[in-house]
Amino acid sequence: MATNGPDLPAPRKRNGLTEMLTILWFIIAGAVVGALARLIVPGRNPIGILLTIGVGIVGAILGGAIASALGAGWVIALIFAVVIAAIGVAALTSLNSRGGGRWGGRRRSRSF
């Protein structure tokens, strides 16, 4: 059995199924985190569901990384993820409300 030193076990190999399940987990967690973030941000959020999931995935990854770096547990990681995703949703919502960017929404023209 290969070891990484006198007392360290050999690293575990990850197969394709494990990596696919990890990606699926990030998508599901991102959807939940994005939905929670949308509930926290007040007002109308005109961004779509796919963008919400994307912001949630980024929040979940960043929140998990920050919590891991601090040595915190999964509850703190979830709190960090929701807060980071809420900041992202608020930023995208304000970007959209100013009329800039790609997510300008439908423009309604006046009819006389």
C-alpha atoms as a PDB file:
ATOM      1  CA  MET A   1       0.000   0.000   0.000  1.00  0.00           C
ATOM      2  CA  ALA A   2       1.417   3.364  -1.024  1.00  0.00           C
ATOM      3  CA  THR A   3       1.667   6.026   1.619  1.00  0.00           C
ATOM      4  CA  ASN A   4       2.375   9.735   1.665  1.00  0.00           C
ATOM      5  CA  GLY A   5       4.686   9.590   4.617  1.00  0.00           C
ATOM      6  CA  PRO A   6       5.045   7.600   7.792  1.00  0.00           C
ATOM      7  CA  ASP A   7       1.496   8.030   9.114  1.00  0.00           C
ATOM      8  CA  LEU A   8      -0.538   9.344   6.173  1.00  0.00           C
ATOM      9  CA  PRO A   9      -2.796   7.023   4.179  1.00  0.00           C
ATOM     10  CA  ALA A  10      -2.686   6.911   0.397  1.00  0.00           C
ATOM     11  CA  PRO A  11      -4.940   9.481  -1.322  1.00  0.00           C
ATOM     12  CA  ARG A  12      -8.314   8.202  -2.459  1.00  0.00           C
ATOM     13  CA  LYS A  13      -8.928   7.919  -6.161  1.00  0.00           C
ATOM     14  CA  ARG A  14     -12.031   9.620  -7.475  1.00  0.00           C
ATOM     15  CA  ASN A  15     -13.914   7.925 -10.217  1.00  0.00           C
ATOM     16  CA  GLY A  16     -16.175   9.541 -12.811  1.00  0.00           C
ATOM     17  CA  LEU A  17     -19.356   8.792 -10.857  1.00  0.00           C
ATOM     18  CA  THR A  18     -18.079  10.592  -7.776  1.00  0.00           C
ATOM     19  CA  GLU A  19     -17.196  13.663  -9.811  1.00  0.00           C
ATOM     20  CA  MET A  20     -20.594  13.650 -11.551  1.00  0.00           C
ATOM     21  CA  LEU A  21     -22.373  13.405  -8.202  1.00  0.00           C
ATOM     22  CA  THR A  22     -20.261  16.273  -6.867  1.00  0.00           C
ATOM     23  CA  ILE A  23     -21.257  18.449  -9.830  1.00  0.00           C
ATOM     24  CA  LEU A  24     -24.925  17.453  -9.408  1.00  0.00           C
ATOM     25  CA  TRP A  25     -24.684  18.300  -5.695  1.00  0.00           C
ATOM     26  CA  PHE A  26     -23.301  21.775  -6.490  1.00  0.00           C
ATOM     27  CA  ILE A  27     -26.177  22.384  -8.939  1.00  0.00           C
ATOM     28  CA  ILE A  28     -28.813  21.308  -6.402  1.00  0.00           C
ATOM     29  CA  ALA A  29     -27.183  23.227  -3.561  1.00  0.00           C
ATOM     30  CA  GLY A  30     -26.807  26.240  -5.869  1.00  0.00           C
ATOM     31  CA  ALA A  31     -30.503  26.171  -6.708  1.00  0.00           C
ATOM     32  CA  VAL A  32     -31.437  26.076  -3.020  1.00  0.00           C
ATOM     33  CA  VAL A  33     -28.915  28.766  -2.080  1.00  0.00           C
ATOM     34  CA  GLY A  34     -30.041  30.941  -5.015  1.00  0.00           C
ATOM     35  CA  ALA A  35     -33.692  30.562  -4.020  1.00  0.00           C
ATOM     36  CA  LEU A  36     -32.888  31.516  -0.423  1.00  0.00           C
ATOM     37  CA  ALA A  37     -30.900  34.495  -1.660  1.00  0.00           C
ATOM     38  CA  ARG A  38     -33.848  35.665  -3.788  1.00  0.00           C
ATOM     39  CA  LEU A  39     -36.083  35.471  -0.736  1.00  0.00           C
ATOM     40  CA  ILE A  40     -33.669  37.591   1.303  1.00  0.00           C
ATOM     41  CA  VAL A  41     -33.250  40.386  -1.261  1.00  0.00           C
ATOM     42  CA  PRO A  42     -36.256  42.721  -0.998  1.00  0.00           C
ATOM     43  CA  GLY A  43     -38.254  43.878  -3.985  1.00  0.00           C
ATOM     44  CA  ARG A  44     -38.821  42.399  -7.402  1.00  0.00           C
ATOM     45  CA  ASN A  45     -35.930  40.338  -8.758  1.00  0.00           C
ATOM     46  CA  PRO A  46     -36.128  40.346 -12.555  1.00  0.00           C
ATOM     47  CA  ILE A  47     -33.277  37.882 -13.102  1.00  0.00           C
ATOM     48  CA  GLY A  48     -34.157  34.447 -14.441  1.00  0.00           C
ATOM     49  CA  ILE A  49     -34.003  31.069 -12.748  1.00  0.00           C
ATOM     50  CA  LEU A  50     -30.862  29.934 -14.577  1.00  0.00           C
ATOM     51  CA  LEU A  51     -28.994  33.053 -13.500  1.00  0.00           C
ATOM     52  CA  THR A  52     -30.287  32.567  -9.967  1.00  0.00           C
ATOM     53  CA  ILE A  53     -28.957  28.995  -9.953  1.00  0.00           C
ATOM     54  CA  GLY A  54     -25.629  30.235 -11.344  1.00  0.00           C
ATOM     55  CA  VAL A  55     -25.336  32.873  -8.628  1.00  0.00           C
ATOM     56  CA  GLY A  56     -26.286  30.231  -6.063  1.00  0.00           C
ATOM     57  CA  ILE A  57     -23.603  27.835  -7.327  1.00  0.00           C
ATOM     58  CA  VAL A  58     -20.964  30.558  -7.139  1.00  0.00           C
ATOM     59  CA  GLY A  59     -22.184  31.465  -3.639  1.00  0.00           C
ATOM     60  CA  ALA A  60     -22.088  27.817  -2.550  1.00  0.00           C
ATOM     61  CA  ILE A  61     -18.543  27.336  -3.841  1.00  0.00           C
ATOM     62  CA  LEU A  62     -17.233  30.597  -2.347  1.00  0.00           C
ATOM     63  CA  GLY A  63     -19.080  30.113   0.939  1.00  0.00           C
ATOM     64  CA  GLY A  64     -17.772  26.561   1.257  1.00  0.00           C
ATOM     65  CA  ALA A  65     -14.231  27.671   0.477  1.00  0.00           C
ATOM     66  CA  ILE A  66     -14.323  30.506   3.016  1.00  0.00           C
ATOM     67  CA  ALA A  67     -15.841  28.285   5.715  1.00  0.00           C
ATOM     68  CA  SER A  68     -13.290  25.580   4.990  1.00  0.00           C
ATOM     69  CA  ALA A  69     -10.441  28.088   5.229  1.00  0.00           C
ATOM     70  CA  LEU A  70     -11.780  29.243   8.594  1.00  0.00           C
ATOM     71  CA  GLY A  71     -12.264  25.664   9.796  1.00  0.00           C
ATOM     72  CA  ALA A  72     -16.010  26.189  10.272  1.00  0.00           C
ATOM     73  CA  GLY A  73     -18.739  23.600   9.855  1.00  0.00           C
ATOM     74  CA  TRP A  74     -21.403  23.140   7.206  1.00  0.00           C
ATOM     75  CA  VAL A  75     -23.904  25.459   8.918  1.00  0.00           C
ATOM     76  CA  ILE A  76     -21.481  28.384   8.675  1.00  0.00           C
ATOM     77  CA  ALA A  77     -20.720  27.372   5.071  1.00  0.00           C
ATOM     78  CA  LEU A  78     -24.448  27.509   4.265  1.00  0.00           C
ATOM     79  CA  ILE A  79     -24.793  30.932   5.904  1.00  0.00           C
ATOM     80  CA  PHE A  80     -21.783  32.256   3.969  1.00  0.00           C
ATOM     81  CA  ALA A  81     -23.172  30.769   0.742  1.00  0.00           C
ATOM     82  CA  VAL A  82     -26.586  32.401   1.169  1.00  0.00           C
ATOM     83  CA  VAL A  83     -25.087  35.779   2.104  1.00  0.00           C
ATOM     84  CA  ILE A  84     -22.692  35.735  -0.874  1.00  0.00           C
ATOM     85  CA  ALA A  85     -25.490  34.663  -3.228  1.00  0.00           C
ATOM     86  CA  ALA A  86     -27.788  37.374  -1.828  1.00  0.00           C
ATOM     87  CA  ILE A  87     -25.109  39.965  -2.544  1.00  0.00           C
ATOM     88  CA  GLY A  88     -24.824  38.582  -6.080  1.00  0.00           C
ATOM     89  CA  VAL A  89     -28.605  38.641  -6.631  1.00  0.00           C
ATOM     90  CA  ALA A  90     -28.798  42.206  -5.280  1.00  0.00           C
ATOM     91  CA  ALA A  91     -25.941  43.297  -7.555  1.00  0.00           C
ATOM     92  CA  LEU A  92     -27.551  41.750 -10.636  1.00  0.00           C
ATOM     93  CA  THR A  93     -30.939  43.201  -9.714  1.00  0.00           C
ATOM     94  CA  SER A  94     -29.508  46.699  -9.341  1.00  0.00           C
ATOM     95  CA  LEU A  95     -27.593  46.291 -12.597  1.00  0.00           C
ATOM     96  CA  ASN A  96     -30.850  45.357 -14.301  1.00  0.00           C
ATOM     97  CA  SER A  97     -32.885  48.144 -12.707  1.00  0.00           C
ATOM     98  CA  ARG A  98     -30.473  50.780 -14.065  1.00  0.00           C
ATOM     99  CA  GLY A  99     -31.148  49.466 -17.543  1.00  0.00           C
ATOM    100  CA  GLY A 100     -27.591  48.420 -18.197  1.00  0.00           C
ATOM    101  CA  GLY A 101     -26.190  45.079 -19.022  1.00  0.00           C
ATOM    102  CA  ARG A 102     -27.577  42.120 -20.806  1.00  0.00           C
ATOM    103  CA  TRP A 103     -30.504  41.501 -18.483  1.00  0.00           C
ATOM    104  CA  GLY A 104     -32.442  44.579 -19.436  1.00  0.00           C
ATOM    105  CA  GLY A 105     -35.691  42.684 -19.666  1.00  0.00           C
ATOM    106  CA  ARG A 106     -38.500  43.526 -22.026  1.00  0.00           C
ATOM    107  CA  ARG A 107     -38.854  47.106 -23.026  1.00  0.00           C
ATOM    108  CA  ARG A 108     -42.393  48.309 -23.295  1.00  0.00           C
ATOM    109  CA  SER A 109     -43.059  50.972 -25.819  1.00  0.00           C
ATOM    110  CA  ARG A 110     -45.760  53.536 -25.452  1.00  0.00           C
ATOM    111  CA  SER A 111     -48.650  53.372 -27.825  1.00  0.00           C
ATOM    112  CA  PHE A 112     -50.440  56.609 -28.521  1.00  0.00           C
END
